[in-house]
Amino acid sequence: MALDANPSENFDTTASDVRLRLPLLRRNDDDENIGYTRRMKQMLIELNAQTGFTHIQLHIDRPFGAKTEEVVRRFQQIPGFHHESPLPETGTVDKATWQALLRTWLSDFSAG
């Protein structure tokens, strides 16, 4: 059932209510985490379409390569994406980057 199917059955949640086990994503590690890599790239593509934080074009069907790493670094260095100060520019999608990415994406999704 979709969340919007019956508004009386929708619910609010906070980050503390949700537990996710997400992998560390980094350049050239696509084999085991291709689904996570594609979803992360889709979120970055959607956020970029709304905010224009980078000029680099990502493609979902391509591996986590140099372009993806650069877009992740760009996301990490910009305060305001649900983190007050820049994240460490690692180019990897670690716990802090996943949290900022998910908060930003969910915030934009629920607003629009």
N, C-alpha and C. Protein backbone atom coordinates (compact mmCIF):
# COMPACT_ATOMS: atom_id res chain seq x y z
N MET A 1 0.85 -1.17 0.00
CA MET A 1 0.00 0.00 0.00
C MET A 1 0.89 1.23 0.00
N ALA A 2 0.59 2.18 -0.86
CA ALA A 2 1.33 3.43 -0.90
C ALA A 2 0.95 4.27 0.31
N LEU A 3 1.89 5.08 0.77
CA LEU A 3 1.61 5.93 1.93
C LEU A 3 0.45 6.87 1.70
N ASP A 4 0.27 7.34 0.48
CA ASP A 4 -0.79 8.30 0.21
C ASP A 4 -2.14 7.64 -0.06
N ALA A 5 -2.21 6.32 -0.04
CA ALA A 5 -3.45 5.62 -0.35
C ALA A 5 -4.58 6.00 0.61
N ASN A 6 -4.28 6.14 1.86
CA ASN A 6 -5.26 6.53 2.86
C ASN A 6 -4.58 7.47 3.85
N PRO A 7 -4.83 8.78 3.73
CA PRO A 7 -4.13 9.73 4.60
C PRO A 7 -4.25 9.43 6.09
N SER A 8 -5.33 8.82 6.52
CA SER A 8 -5.47 8.52 7.95
C SER A 8 -4.50 7.44 8.40
N GLU A 9 -3.91 6.69 7.45
CA GLU A 9 -2.95 5.65 7.80
C GLU A 9 -1.51 6.12 7.68
N ASN A 10 -1.29 7.36 7.21
CA ASN A 10 0.06 7.90 7.16
C ASN A 10 0.53 8.23 8.56
N PHE A 11 1.82 8.34 8.73
CA PHE A 11 2.35 8.64 10.05
C PHE A 11 3.58 9.50 9.91
N ASP A 12 3.86 10.26 10.96
CA ASP A 12 5.09 11.05 11.02
C ASP A 12 6.14 10.24 11.75
N THR A 13 7.38 10.46 11.38
CA THR A 13 8.47 9.77 12.04
C THR A 13 9.66 10.70 12.13
N THR A 14 10.56 10.40 13.01
CA THR A 14 11.80 11.16 13.11
C THR A 14 12.95 10.20 12.82
N ALA A 15 14.12 10.77 12.59
CA ALA A 15 15.28 9.93 12.28
C ALA A 15 15.55 8.92 13.38
N SER A 16 15.23 9.26 14.62
CA SER A 16 15.51 8.33 15.71
C SER A 16 14.58 7.12 15.69
N ASP A 17 13.47 7.21 14.95
CA ASP A 17 12.54 6.09 14.86
C ASP A 17 12.95 5.07 13.80
N VAL A 18 13.84 5.44 12.93
CA VAL A 18 14.17 4.61 11.79
C VAL A 18 15.60 4.10 11.91
N ARG A 19 15.79 2.83 11.72
CA ARG A 19 17.12 2.23 11.73
C ARG A 19 17.37 1.60 10.37
N LEU A 20 18.43 2.01 9.74
CA LEU A 20 18.81 1.47 8.45
C LEU A 20 20.25 0.99 8.51
N ARG A 21 20.51 -0.08 7.86
CA ARG A 21 21.88 -0.56 7.72
C ARG A 21 22.31 -0.29 6.28
N LEU A 22 23.14 0.72 6.14
CA LEU A 22 23.56 1.15 4.81
C LEU A 22 25.06 0.94 4.65
N PRO A 23 25.48 0.52 3.48
CA PRO A 23 26.91 0.23 3.29
C PRO A 23 27.71 1.50 3.02
N LEU A 24 28.99 1.43 3.32
CA LEU A 24 29.93 2.45 2.90
C LEU A 24 30.07 2.32 1.39
N LEU A 25 29.84 3.40 0.67
CA LEU A 25 29.97 3.37 -0.78
C LEU A 25 31.17 4.19 -1.18
N ARG A 26 31.99 3.64 -2.04
CA ARG A 26 33.16 4.36 -2.53
C ARG A 26 33.50 3.92 -3.94
N ARG A 27 34.38 4.67 -4.52
CA ARG A 27 34.78 4.46 -5.91
C ARG A 27 35.20 3.01 -6.16
N ASN A 28 34.71 2.44 -7.24
CA ASN A 28 35.04 1.09 -7.72
C ASN A 28 34.54 -0.05 -6.84
N ASP A 29 33.61 0.20 -5.93
CA ASP A 29 33.05 -0.86 -5.08
C ASP A 29 31.63 -1.23 -5.49
N ASP A 30 31.33 -1.24 -6.76
CA ASP A 30 29.95 -1.42 -7.21
C ASP A 30 29.41 -2.83 -7.13
N ASP A 31 30.23 -3.83 -7.21
CA ASP A 31 29.73 -5.19 -7.37
C ASP A 31 28.72 -5.61 -6.32
N GLU A 32 29.04 -5.44 -5.03
CA GLU A 32 28.09 -5.90 -4.01
C GLU A 32 27.02 -4.89 -3.67
N ASN A 33 27.23 -3.64 -3.97
CA ASN A 33 26.30 -2.59 -3.53
C ASN A 33 25.68 -1.81 -4.68
N ILE A 34 25.51 -2.45 -5.82
CA ILE A 34 25.02 -1.73 -6.99
C ILE A 34 23.66 -1.09 -6.76
N GLY A 35 22.78 -1.76 -6.06
CA GLY A 35 21.46 -1.19 -5.77
C GLY A 35 21.56 0.05 -4.91
N TYR A 36 22.39 0.02 -3.89
CA TYR A 36 22.60 1.19 -3.04
C TYR A 36 23.26 2.32 -3.82
N THR A 37 24.22 1.97 -4.67
CA THR A 37 24.90 2.98 -5.47
C THR A 37 23.92 3.67 -6.41
N ARG A 38 23.07 2.91 -7.06
CA ARG A 38 22.08 3.49 -7.96
C ARG A 38 21.11 4.40 -7.21
N ARG A 39 20.67 3.98 -6.05
CA ARG A 39 19.72 4.80 -5.28
C ARG A 39 20.38 6.09 -4.81
N MET A 40 21.62 5.99 -4.32
CA MET A 40 22.36 7.17 -3.88
C MET A 40 22.53 8.14 -5.04
N LYS A 41 22.88 7.63 -6.21
CA LYS A 41 23.06 8.49 -7.37
C LYS A 41 21.73 9.13 -7.78
N GLN A 42 20.64 8.38 -7.70
CA GLN A 42 19.33 8.94 -8.02
C GLN A 42 18.99 10.09 -7.07
N MET A 43 19.28 9.93 -5.79
CA MET A 43 19.02 11.01 -4.84
C MET A 43 19.86 12.24 -5.17
N LEU A 44 21.14 12.04 -5.50
CA LEU A 44 22.01 13.16 -5.85
C LEU A 44 21.53 13.85 -7.13
N ILE A 45 21.08 13.07 -8.11
CA ILE A 45 20.57 13.64 -9.36
C ILE A 45 19.33 14.50 -9.08
N GLU A 46 18.42 13.98 -8.27
CA GLU A 46 17.20 14.73 -7.94
C GLU A 46 17.52 15.99 -7.15
N LEU A 47 18.43 15.90 -6.18
CA LEU A 47 18.81 17.08 -5.41
C LEU A 47 19.49 18.12 -6.29
N ASN A 48 20.33 17.66 -7.20
CA ASN A 48 21.00 18.59 -8.10
C ASN A 48 20.01 19.28 -9.03
N ALA A 49 19.00 18.56 -9.47
CA ALA A 49 17.98 19.15 -10.34
C ALA A 49 17.25 20.28 -9.61
N GLN A 50 17.08 20.14 -8.29
CA GLN A 50 16.37 21.14 -7.51
C GLN A 50 17.28 22.29 -7.05
N THR A 51 18.55 21.99 -6.80
CA THR A 51 19.42 23.00 -6.20
C THR A 51 20.54 23.47 -7.10
N GLY A 52 20.94 22.68 -8.08
CA GLY A 52 22.04 23.05 -8.95
C GLY A 52 23.38 23.13 -8.24
N PHE A 53 23.62 22.23 -7.28
CA PHE A 53 24.86 22.30 -6.52
C PHE A 53 26.09 21.85 -7.29
N THR A 54 25.92 21.23 -8.46
CA THR A 54 27.06 20.82 -9.27
C THR A 54 26.68 20.82 -10.74
N HIS A 55 27.66 20.98 -11.59
CA HIS A 55 27.43 20.93 -13.04
C HIS A 55 27.71 19.53 -13.60
N ILE A 56 28.21 18.63 -12.77
CA ILE A 56 28.58 17.29 -13.22
C ILE A 56 27.31 16.45 -13.43
N GLN A 57 27.23 15.80 -14.55
CA GLN A 57 26.08 14.94 -14.87
C GLN A 57 26.38 13.50 -14.46
N LEU A 58 25.52 12.93 -13.63
CA LEU A 58 25.65 11.53 -13.24
C LEU A 58 24.71 10.66 -14.07
N HIS A 59 25.09 9.41 -14.25
CA HIS A 59 24.25 8.43 -14.93
C HIS A 59 24.07 7.24 -13.98
N ILE A 60 22.82 6.89 -13.75
CA ILE A 60 22.52 5.83 -12.79
C ILE A 60 23.12 4.49 -13.19
N ASP A 61 23.17 4.21 -14.48
CA ASP A 61 23.62 2.89 -14.93
C ASP A 61 25.13 2.76 -15.03
N ARG A 62 25.85 3.77 -14.64
CA ARG A 62 27.31 3.69 -14.67
C ARG A 62 27.83 3.44 -13.25
N PRO A 63 29.03 2.88 -13.12
CA PRO A 63 29.57 2.57 -11.80
C PRO A 63 29.94 3.82 -11.00
N PHE A 64 30.23 3.61 -9.73
CA PHE A 64 30.70 4.67 -8.83
C PHE A 64 32.14 4.96 -9.22
N GLY A 65 32.31 5.92 -10.08
CA GLY A 65 33.63 6.27 -10.58
C GLY A 65 34.04 7.67 -10.16
N ALA A 66 34.93 8.27 -10.93
CA ALA A 66 35.48 9.58 -10.60
C ALA A 66 34.41 10.67 -10.55
N LYS A 67 33.45 10.65 -11.48
CA LYS A 67 32.40 11.68 -11.47
C LYS A 67 31.52 11.57 -10.23
N THR A 68 31.13 10.35 -9.89
CA THR A 68 30.31 10.17 -8.69
C THR A 68 31.08 10.62 -7.46
N GLU A 69 32.33 10.24 -7.37
CA GLU A 69 33.16 10.66 -6.24
C GLU A 69 33.22 12.18 -6.14
N GLU A 70 33.36 12.87 -7.25
CA GLU A 70 33.42 14.33 -7.24
C GLU A 70 32.10 14.95 -6.81
N VAL A 71 30.97 14.39 -7.27
CA VAL A 71 29.66 14.90 -6.85
C VAL A 71 29.46 14.68 -5.36
N VAL A 72 29.87 13.52 -4.84
CA VAL A 72 29.76 13.26 -3.40
C VAL A 72 30.61 14.28 -2.64
N ARG A 73 31.83 14.54 -3.09
CA ARG A 73 32.68 15.56 -2.44
C ARG A 73 32.00 16.93 -2.45
N ARG A 74 31.40 17.28 -3.57
CA ARG A 74 30.71 18.57 -3.67
C ARG A 74 29.56 18.63 -2.68
N PHE A 75 28.77 17.57 -2.60
CA PHE A 75 27.67 17.51 -1.63
C PHE A 75 28.22 17.65 -0.21
N GLN A 76 29.33 16.98 0.09
CA GLN A 76 29.89 17.00 1.43
C GLN A 76 30.40 18.38 1.83
N GLN A 77 30.84 19.19 0.89
CA GLN A 77 31.47 20.47 1.24
C GLN A 77 30.48 21.61 1.38
N ILE A 78 29.24 21.42 1.02
CA ILE A 78 28.28 22.52 1.05
C ILE A 78 27.44 22.46 2.33
N PRO A 79 27.62 23.42 3.24
CA PRO A 79 26.75 23.45 4.41
C PRO A 79 25.32 23.78 3.99
N GLY A 80 24.38 23.36 4.77
CA GLY A 80 22.99 23.65 4.47
C GLY A 80 22.22 22.45 3.99
N PHE A 81 22.90 21.43 3.51
CA PHE A 81 22.21 20.20 3.13
C PHE A 81 22.02 19.35 4.38
N HIS A 82 21.26 19.87 5.30
CA HIS A 82 20.95 19.21 6.56
C HIS A 82 22.20 18.84 7.36
N HIS A 83 23.23 19.62 7.18
CA HIS A 83 24.38 19.58 8.08
C HIS A 83 24.88 21.02 8.16
N GLU A 84 25.15 21.49 9.38
CA GLU A 84 25.47 22.89 9.60
C GLU A 84 26.84 23.27 9.05
N SER A 85 27.77 22.36 9.14
CA SER A 85 29.10 22.63 8.63
C SER A 85 29.44 21.58 7.59
N PRO A 86 30.41 21.86 6.75
CA PRO A 86 30.77 20.87 5.75
C PRO A 86 31.16 19.53 6.38
N LEU A 87 30.84 18.48 5.68
CA LEU A 87 31.27 17.14 6.10
C LEU A 87 32.71 16.94 5.64
N PRO A 88 33.43 16.00 6.22
CA PRO A 88 34.76 15.70 5.69
C PRO A 88 34.65 15.30 4.21
N GLU A 89 35.47 15.90 3.37
CA GLU A 89 35.43 15.64 1.94
C GLU A 89 36.19 14.36 1.62
N THR A 90 35.50 13.25 1.79
CA THR A 90 36.14 11.95 1.55
C THR A 90 35.81 11.39 0.17
N GLY A 91 34.69 11.84 -0.41
CA GLY A 91 34.25 11.26 -1.68
C GLY A 91 33.59 9.91 -1.50
N THR A 92 33.51 9.45 -0.26
CA THR A 92 32.82 8.19 0.05
C THR A 92 31.49 8.51 0.73
N VAL A 93 30.54 7.63 0.56
CA VAL A 93 29.25 7.81 1.22
C VAL A 93 29.31 7.00 2.50
N ASP A 94 29.70 7.69 3.56
CA ASP A 94 29.82 7.08 4.88
C ASP A 94 28.56 7.38 5.69
N LYS A 95 28.57 7.07 6.97
CA LYS A 95 27.39 7.25 7.81
C LYS A 95 26.91 8.70 7.80
N ALA A 96 27.81 9.65 8.02
CA ALA A 96 27.41 11.06 8.07
C ALA A 96 26.87 11.53 6.73
N THR A 97 27.46 11.07 5.65
CA THR A 97 27.00 11.47 4.32
C THR A 97 25.65 10.86 4.01
N TRP A 98 25.45 9.58 4.35
CA TRP A 98 24.13 8.95 4.17
C TRP A 98 23.08 9.74 4.95
N GLN A 99 23.39 10.09 6.21
CA GLN A 99 22.41 10.81 7.04
C GLN A 99 22.04 12.14 6.41
N ALA A 100 23.05 12.91 5.98
CA ALA A 100 22.78 14.21 5.37
C ALA A 100 22.02 14.05 4.06
N LEU A 101 22.41 13.07 3.26
CA LEU A 101 21.75 12.84 1.98
C LEU A 101 20.29 12.43 2.17
N LEU A 102 20.05 11.50 3.07
CA LEU A 102 18.68 11.05 3.32
C LEU A 102 17.82 12.16 3.92
N ARG A 103 18.36 12.91 4.87
CA ARG A 103 17.59 14.01 5.46
C ARG A 103 17.23 15.05 4.40
N THR A 104 18.19 15.39 3.57
CA THR A 104 17.95 16.38 2.53
C THR A 104 16.94 15.87 1.52
N TRP A 105 17.15 14.65 1.05
CA TRP A 105 16.25 14.08 0.06
C TRP A 105 14.83 13.93 0.62
N LEU A 106 14.70 13.42 1.83
CA LEU A 106 13.38 13.24 2.43
C LEU A 106 12.70 14.58 2.68
N SER A 107 13.46 15.58 3.08
CA SER A 107 12.92 16.91 3.29
C SER A 107 12.39 17.49 1.99
N ASP A 108 13.15 17.36 0.92
CA ASP A 108 12.72 17.86 -0.38
C ASP A 108 11.54 17.07 -0.90
N PHE A 109 11.53 15.75 -0.68
CA PHE A 109 10.45 14.88 -1.13
C PHE A 109 9.15 15.24 -0.42
N SER A 110 9.21 15.44 0.89
CA SER A 110 7.99 15.72 1.65
C SER A 110 7.48 17.13 1.39
N ALA A 111 8.39 18.04 1.01
CA ALA A 111 7.97 19.41 0.72
C ALA A 111 7.31 19.53 -0.65
N GLY A 112 7.72 18.64 -1.56
CA GLY A 112 7.22 18.78 -2.93
C GLY A 112 6.22 17.76 -3.24
